[in-house]
Amino acid sequence: MVSANITELLATYIHALHILHLHGVLDGYGHLSVRNPDNPPTFFLMGRLAPALVSSPDDIGEFRVSDAEPVSPGMPQPPIERYIHSEVLKRYPDVNVVLHGHSPELFLYSLTDVPLRPWILDTEVPLFDIFNYLGPDDPQSILVNTPRLGAALAAVFDSCPVHSDGNATATGHCDDQDVANSDNDNNRFPAHNLVLMQSHGFTAVATDIKTMTFLGVNAVVQARIQSEALQIQHAYTGKAARGHNGIDYLTPQQVRDGWSAIIPTVERPWQLWVREVQVNPLYENELDADD
C-alpha cells in the first residue's frame, strides 16, 4: 500500500520532470531521482523514457541506494546511468534529490576552460572528466554506467574547494589529484550543488524536489546570462576578465547569503511553473489533484 505521503511526493516528482523539460533543463534524455522518505535506503527513479512523458507511478521504479537494483520484480527498466543517483545518494545522506541532464547552456562549459560561476550555483563549478577514470580496455564512453564511475562522480561534489579570494582554479575543472585530496568524506551534504561532466552535461544535488527544480531552471538561465555577458564584455573591451572592465562575479560570501535569502521563496516560482505544465497538453500527471 502506497502512503499518501509517497503519492504526494510522486505527484511533485512528475511535475518537476515536466517543468525541467519545459524550461530546457531536460530533453528526451536526462533523469531525476528522489530518496524515499519512508525508507531512506531506497530511491524513486523514472523508467527509461523521456522525462516529459512520465505521467503515473507505473513509470517510476523504486531502487536500492546500495546497488541501484530494483526493490522488487516488475519495476520499470531504469536509465543506464542509474549509478549517478545511487552513488551520490550513498555518499551524501542529506542529499535527497539528484538531477542529471544535458542542457546546451551548461554543456558548453564542460568543453572549455571558462569557469561556470553563476551566483545561484556556486563561486565555482567543478568538472568531472570521466576519461580520467577509464582504463585502456574500457569503452571510451561518456556514460556513467557502473558503480565505480558513479562513485568517482559523487566524489567530485566534494572536491576543488573554493579559494579564499573567490577565484576558481586555473581552469575551473577538477582532476584526479583534486578528488584524491578531498578531505570531506564524512560530509552529509557536499561542498558543491552542481558538477559539470566533460563532453556530457551536468549532475546536480538538492535536499528536496522543489529546491532542485529551482536550481535546475536557474542554472540554465544563469549559464545563459554568463555566456552572453562574456560575449558583450569581450566585444566591448577585447577581454572578459574579472575586475575593472570585466565581469563582476559575486564573492563567496555574497553567493552564500544570496542562496540563503532566495531558497525560502522557491514556492513562488514553483506555483507558476506547475500551472504552466498543467495547461500544456503535452504533460500528463495522473497524481495531480487539480486535474
Protein backbone atom coordinates (compact mmCIF):
# COMPACT_ATOMS: atom_id res chain seq x y z
CA MET A 1 0.00 0.00 0.00
CA VAL A 2 1.46 3.36 -1.09
CA SER A 3 1.12 6.02 1.61
CA ALA A 4 -0.49 9.40 0.98
CA ASN A 5 2.92 10.91 1.69
CA ILE A 6 4.53 8.96 -1.15
CA THR A 7 1.64 9.69 -3.51
CA GLU A 8 2.11 13.42 -2.91
CA LEU A 9 5.87 13.07 -3.34
CA LEU A 10 5.47 11.31 -6.70
CA ALA A 11 2.95 13.90 -7.87
CA THR A 12 5.54 16.59 -7.14
CA TYR A 13 8.22 14.47 -8.80
CA ILE A 14 6.22 14.19 -12.03
CA HIS A 15 5.53 17.93 -12.04
CA ALA A 16 9.27 18.57 -11.61
CA LEU A 17 10.16 16.41 -14.61
CA HIS A 18 7.66 18.31 -16.75
CA ILE A 19 8.88 21.71 -15.53
CA LEU A 20 12.52 20.79 -16.14
CA HIS A 21 11.63 19.72 -19.68
CA LEU A 22 9.55 22.84 -20.39
CA HIS A 23 12.43 25.07 -19.31
CA GLY A 24 15.09 23.25 -21.30
CA VAL A 25 16.91 21.63 -18.39
CA LEU A 26 15.98 18.14 -19.63
CA ASP A 27 15.26 16.94 -23.16
CA GLY A 28 14.41 13.47 -24.44
CA TYR A 29 17.14 12.20 -22.13
CA GLY A 30 18.11 13.02 -18.56
CA HIS A 31 16.63 11.85 -15.28
CA LEU A 32 15.66 12.84 -11.75
CA SER A 33 15.67 10.75 -8.57
CA VAL A 34 14.31 11.29 -5.07
CA ARG A 35 15.12 9.41 -1.89
CA ASN A 36 12.20 7.52 -0.35
CA PRO A 37 11.37 9.43 2.87
CA ASP A 38 9.58 6.37 4.27
CA ASN A 39 12.55 4.11 3.52
CA PRO A 40 15.78 6.13 3.02
CA PRO A 41 17.89 3.16 1.79
CA THR A 42 15.78 3.27 -1.39
CA PHE A 43 15.03 5.91 -4.00
CA PHE A 44 12.49 6.56 -6.73
CA LEU A 45 13.67 6.92 -10.32
CA MET A 46 11.79 7.24 -13.59
CA GLY A 47 11.99 4.43 -16.10
CA ARG A 48 13.80 4.58 -19.40
CA LEU A 49 11.57 7.11 -21.16
CA ALA A 50 11.57 10.83 -21.95
CA PRO A 51 11.05 12.96 -18.83
CA ALA A 52 8.16 14.86 -20.44
CA LEU A 53 6.25 11.60 -20.90
CA VAL A 54 6.37 10.37 -17.30
CA SER A 55 2.74 10.53 -16.15
CA SER A 56 1.99 7.91 -13.49
CA PRO A 57 3.50 5.75 -10.73
CA ASP A 58 3.76 2.96 -13.31
CA ASP A 59 6.51 4.98 -14.99
CA ILE A 60 8.55 5.20 -11.78
CA GLY A 61 10.50 2.48 -10.01
CA GLU A 62 11.94 2.07 -6.52
CA PHE A 63 15.61 1.11 -6.32
CA ARG A 64 18.16 0.35 -3.61
CA VAL A 65 20.72 3.02 -2.83
CA SER A 66 23.28 0.31 -2.11
CA ASP A 67 23.46 -1.09 -5.64
CA ALA A 68 20.81 0.65 -7.80
CA GLU A 69 18.92 -2.62 -8.18
CA PRO A 70 15.10 -2.72 -8.13
CA VAL A 71 13.40 -3.31 -4.81
CA SER A 72 11.03 -5.83 -6.36
CA PRO A 73 10.43 -7.53 -9.72
CA GLY A 74 8.39 -5.80 -12.36
CA MET A 75 9.88 -2.34 -11.89
CA PRO A 76 10.29 -0.13 -14.98
CA GLN A 77 13.66 -0.54 -16.67
CA PRO A 78 15.85 2.20 -15.17
CA PRO A 79 18.13 4.58 -17.09
CA ILE A 80 21.56 3.23 -17.98
CA GLU A 81 23.17 5.87 -15.76
CA ARG A 82 21.21 4.99 -12.62
CA TYR A 83 24.54 4.72 -10.76
CA ILE A 84 24.81 8.51 -10.84
CA HIS A 85 21.87 8.54 -8.45
CA SER A 86 22.69 5.58 -6.24
CA GLU A 87 26.32 6.57 -5.64
CA VAL A 88 25.56 10.23 -4.89
CA LEU A 89 22.74 9.27 -2.51
CA LYS A 90 25.02 6.71 -0.88
CA ARG A 91 27.88 9.15 -0.30
CA TYR A 92 25.75 12.06 0.98
CA PRO A 93 22.97 11.11 3.43
CA ASP A 94 21.47 14.63 3.40
CA VAL A 95 21.11 14.70 -0.38
CA ASN A 96 17.59 13.59 -1.25
CA VAL A 97 17.33 14.57 -4.91
CA VAL A 98 19.72 14.06 -7.83
CA LEU A 99 19.29 15.54 -11.32
CA HIS A 100 21.23 14.64 -14.47
CA GLY A 101 20.77 16.38 -17.81
CA HIS A 102 22.38 17.73 -20.96
CA SER A 103 21.27 21.36 -21.20
CA PRO A 104 23.25 23.06 -24.01
CA GLU A 105 23.78 26.17 -21.88
CA LEU A 106 25.60 24.12 -19.24
CA PHE A 107 27.13 21.65 -21.71
CA LEU A 108 29.16 24.47 -23.29
CA TYR A 109 31.08 25.00 -20.06
CA SER A 110 32.15 21.35 -19.96
CA LEU A 111 34.02 21.88 -23.24
CA THR A 112 36.08 24.95 -22.36
CA ASP A 113 38.39 26.31 -19.66
CA VAL A 114 35.92 29.10 -18.86
CA PRO A 115 34.73 28.61 -15.25
CA LEU A 116 30.97 28.47 -14.82
CA ARG A 117 30.18 30.83 -11.96
CA PRO A 118 26.52 31.94 -11.95
CA TRP A 119 25.63 33.21 -8.49
CA ILE A 120 22.85 30.71 -7.82
CA LEU A 121 25.22 27.77 -8.23
CA ASP A 122 28.49 28.43 -6.50
CA THR A 123 31.59 30.55 -6.77
CA GLU A 124 33.00 27.82 -8.97
CA VAL A 125 31.57 24.68 -10.53
CA PRO A 126 33.87 21.63 -10.70
CA LEU A 127 34.07 19.35 -13.71
CA PHE A 128 34.10 15.54 -13.75
CA ASP A 129 36.20 14.14 -16.60
CA ILE A 130 35.15 10.51 -17.00
CA PHE A 131 38.09 9.80 -19.29
CA ASN A 132 40.41 10.10 -16.29
CA TYR A 133 38.71 7.01 -14.80
CA LEU A 134 38.51 4.76 -17.86
CA GLY A 135 41.13 2.07 -18.41
CA PRO A 136 42.78 1.37 -21.77
CA ASP A 137 40.48 -1.60 -22.34
CA ASP A 138 37.29 0.20 -21.30
CA PRO A 139 34.90 1.55 -23.93
CA GLN A 140 35.66 5.27 -24.25
CA SER A 141 32.09 6.21 -23.44
CA ILE A 142 30.81 9.28 -21.58
CA LEU A 143 28.14 7.22 -19.81
CA VAL A 144 28.33 6.73 -16.04
CA ASN A 145 27.15 3.15 -16.27
CA THR A 146 28.97 1.40 -13.40
CA PRO A 147 29.07 1.87 -9.61
CA ARG A 148 32.79 2.71 -9.84
CA LEU A 149 32.18 5.60 -12.24
CA GLY A 150 29.19 6.76 -10.22
CA ALA A 151 31.34 6.85 -7.07
CA ALA A 152 34.04 8.84 -8.89
CA LEU A 153 31.45 11.40 -9.98
CA ALA A 154 29.99 11.61 -6.46
CA ALA A 155 33.44 12.40 -5.02
CA VAL A 156 33.85 15.43 -7.29
CA PHE A 157 30.98 17.17 -5.48
CA ASP A 158 33.36 17.50 -2.54
CA SER A 159 36.49 18.40 -4.48
CA CYS A 160 38.02 21.64 -5.80
CA PRO A 161 37.44 23.81 -2.70
CA VAL A 162 36.66 27.46 -3.37
CA HIS A 163 39.69 29.73 -2.98
CA SER A 164 39.59 32.30 -0.20
CA ASP A 165 39.70 35.13 -2.74
CA GLY A 166 36.66 33.75 -4.53
CA ASN A 167 38.57 32.83 -7.66
CA ALA A 168 38.20 29.47 -9.34
CA THR A 169 41.07 27.13 -10.04
CA ALA A 170 43.12 27.88 -13.13
CA THR A 171 40.64 26.07 -15.33
CA GLY A 172 37.68 25.67 -13.01
CA HIS A 173 37.98 21.93 -13.57
CA CYS A 174 38.81 19.04 -11.24
CA ASP A 175 41.41 16.38 -11.87
CA ASP A 176 42.33 13.09 -10.20
CA GLN A 177 44.53 14.81 -7.62
CA ASP A 178 41.72 17.17 -6.59
CA VAL A 179 39.46 14.20 -5.91
CA ALA A 180 42.20 12.29 -4.09
CA ASN A 181 42.87 15.30 -1.87
CA SER A 182 39.24 15.81 -0.91
CA ASP A 183 39.00 15.79 2.89
CA ASN A 184 35.20 15.91 3.08
CA ASP A 185 34.48 12.19 3.04
CA ASN A 186 32.35 12.48 6.17
CA ASN A 187 30.19 15.35 4.92
CA ARG A 188 26.48 14.58 4.82
CA PHE A 189 25.96 17.20 2.08
CA PRO A 190 28.65 18.06 -0.47
CA ALA A 191 30.57 21.29 -0.94
CA HIS A 192 29.04 21.90 -4.38
CA ASN A 193 25.48 21.53 -5.63
CA LEU A 194 26.34 21.11 -9.31
CA VAL A 195 29.10 19.32 -11.23
CA LEU A 196 29.74 19.65 -14.94
CA MET A 197 30.56 16.45 -16.85
CA GLN A 198 33.18 16.58 -19.60
CA SER A 199 31.56 16.49 -23.07
CA HIS A 200 28.36 15.21 -21.49
CA GLY A 201 26.24 17.51 -19.35
CA PHE A 202 25.77 18.04 -15.62
CA THR A 203 24.61 16.48 -12.36
CA ALA A 204 23.08 18.48 -9.50
CA VAL A 205 22.01 17.70 -5.93
CA ALA A 206 19.49 19.17 -3.51
CA THR A 207 17.58 18.39 -0.33
CA ASP A 208 14.11 18.39 -1.92
CA ILE A 209 12.38 18.35 -5.30
CA LYS A 210 11.23 21.98 -5.36
CA THR A 211 14.70 23.28 -4.50
CA MET A 212 16.18 21.04 -7.20
CA THR A 213 13.71 22.34 -9.76
CA PHE A 214 14.58 25.91 -8.83
CA LEU A 215 18.30 25.10 -9.04
CA GLY A 216 17.96 23.36 -12.40
CA VAL A 217 15.92 26.08 -14.08
CA ASN A 218 18.09 28.87 -12.71
CA ALA A 219 21.34 27.07 -13.52
CA VAL A 220 20.37 27.12 -17.20
CA VAL A 221 19.22 30.75 -17.05
CA GLN A 222 22.34 31.90 -15.21
CA ALA A 223 24.67 29.98 -17.55
CA ARG A 224 22.96 31.66 -20.50
CA ILE A 225 23.35 35.08 -18.85
CA GLN A 226 27.03 34.47 -18.10
CA SER A 227 27.71 33.38 -21.69
CA GLU A 228 26.00 36.47 -23.09
CA ALA A 229 27.76 38.75 -20.59
CA LEU A 230 31.14 37.33 -21.60
CA GLN A 231 30.35 37.92 -25.27
CA ILE A 232 29.19 41.50 -24.68
CA GLN A 233 32.15 42.32 -22.44
CA HIS A 234 34.67 40.85 -24.84
CA ALA A 235 33.13 42.67 -27.80
CA TYR A 236 33.34 45.96 -25.89
CA THR A 237 36.79 45.73 -24.30
CA GLY A 238 38.50 42.85 -26.04
CA LYS A 239 38.72 40.94 -22.78
CA ALA A 240 36.35 39.35 -20.29
CA ALA A 241 38.47 39.06 -17.16
CA ARG A 242 37.18 39.74 -13.68
CA GLY A 243 37.63 43.23 -12.26
CA HIS A 244 37.64 46.68 -13.83
CA ASN A 245 36.38 46.45 -17.43
CA GLY A 246 35.50 42.81 -16.78
CA ILE A 247 32.75 40.54 -15.47
CA ASP A 248 31.93 41.35 -11.85
CA TYR A 249 31.29 37.95 -10.24
CA LEU A 250 29.94 37.73 -6.71
CA THR A 251 32.19 36.94 -3.77
CA PRO A 252 31.79 33.63 -1.88
CA GLN A 253 30.01 35.43 0.97
CA GLN A 254 27.63 37.12 -1.45
CA VAL A 255 26.88 33.77 -3.07
CA ARG A 256 26.15 32.11 0.28
CA ASP A 257 23.98 34.96 1.53
CA GLY A 258 22.10 35.19 -1.75
CA TRP A 259 21.35 31.47 -1.74
CA SER A 260 20.15 31.58 1.86
CA ALA A 261 17.85 34.50 1.08
CA ILE A 262 16.29 33.05 -2.07
CA ILE A 263 15.68 29.43 -1.01
CA PRO A 264 12.72 30.25 1.30
CA THR A 265 10.95 31.80 -1.72
CA VAL A 266 11.03 28.82 -4.10
CA GLU A 267 7.31 28.13 -3.61
CA ARG A 268 6.55 31.30 -5.58
CA PRO A 269 8.07 30.24 -8.94
CA TRP A 270 7.08 26.61 -8.24
CA GLN A 271 3.38 27.53 -8.30
CA LEU A 272 3.85 29.36 -11.61
CA TRP A 273 5.79 26.51 -13.17
CA VAL A 274 3.22 23.91 -12.07
CA ARG A 275 0.46 25.95 -13.68
CA GLU A 276 2.47 26.22 -16.89
CA VAL A 277 2.70 22.43 -17.23
CA GLN A 278 -0.89 21.87 -16.11
CA VAL A 279 -2.25 23.90 -19.02
CA ASN A 280 0.15 22.37 -21.55
CA PRO A 281 -1.45 19.28 -23.18
CA LEU A 282 1.94 17.61 -23.64
CA TYR A 283 2.26 16.97 -19.92
CA GLU A 284 0.04 14.49 -18.07
CA ASN A 285 0.18 13.86 -14.32
CA GLU A 286 -2.29 11.25 -13.11
CA LEU A 287 -1.48 12.14 -9.49
CA ASP A 288 -2.22 15.85 -9.86
CA ALA A 289 -5.19 16.66 -7.58
CA ASP A 290 -6.05 19.68 -9.74
CA ASP A 291 -6.52 17.63 -12.91
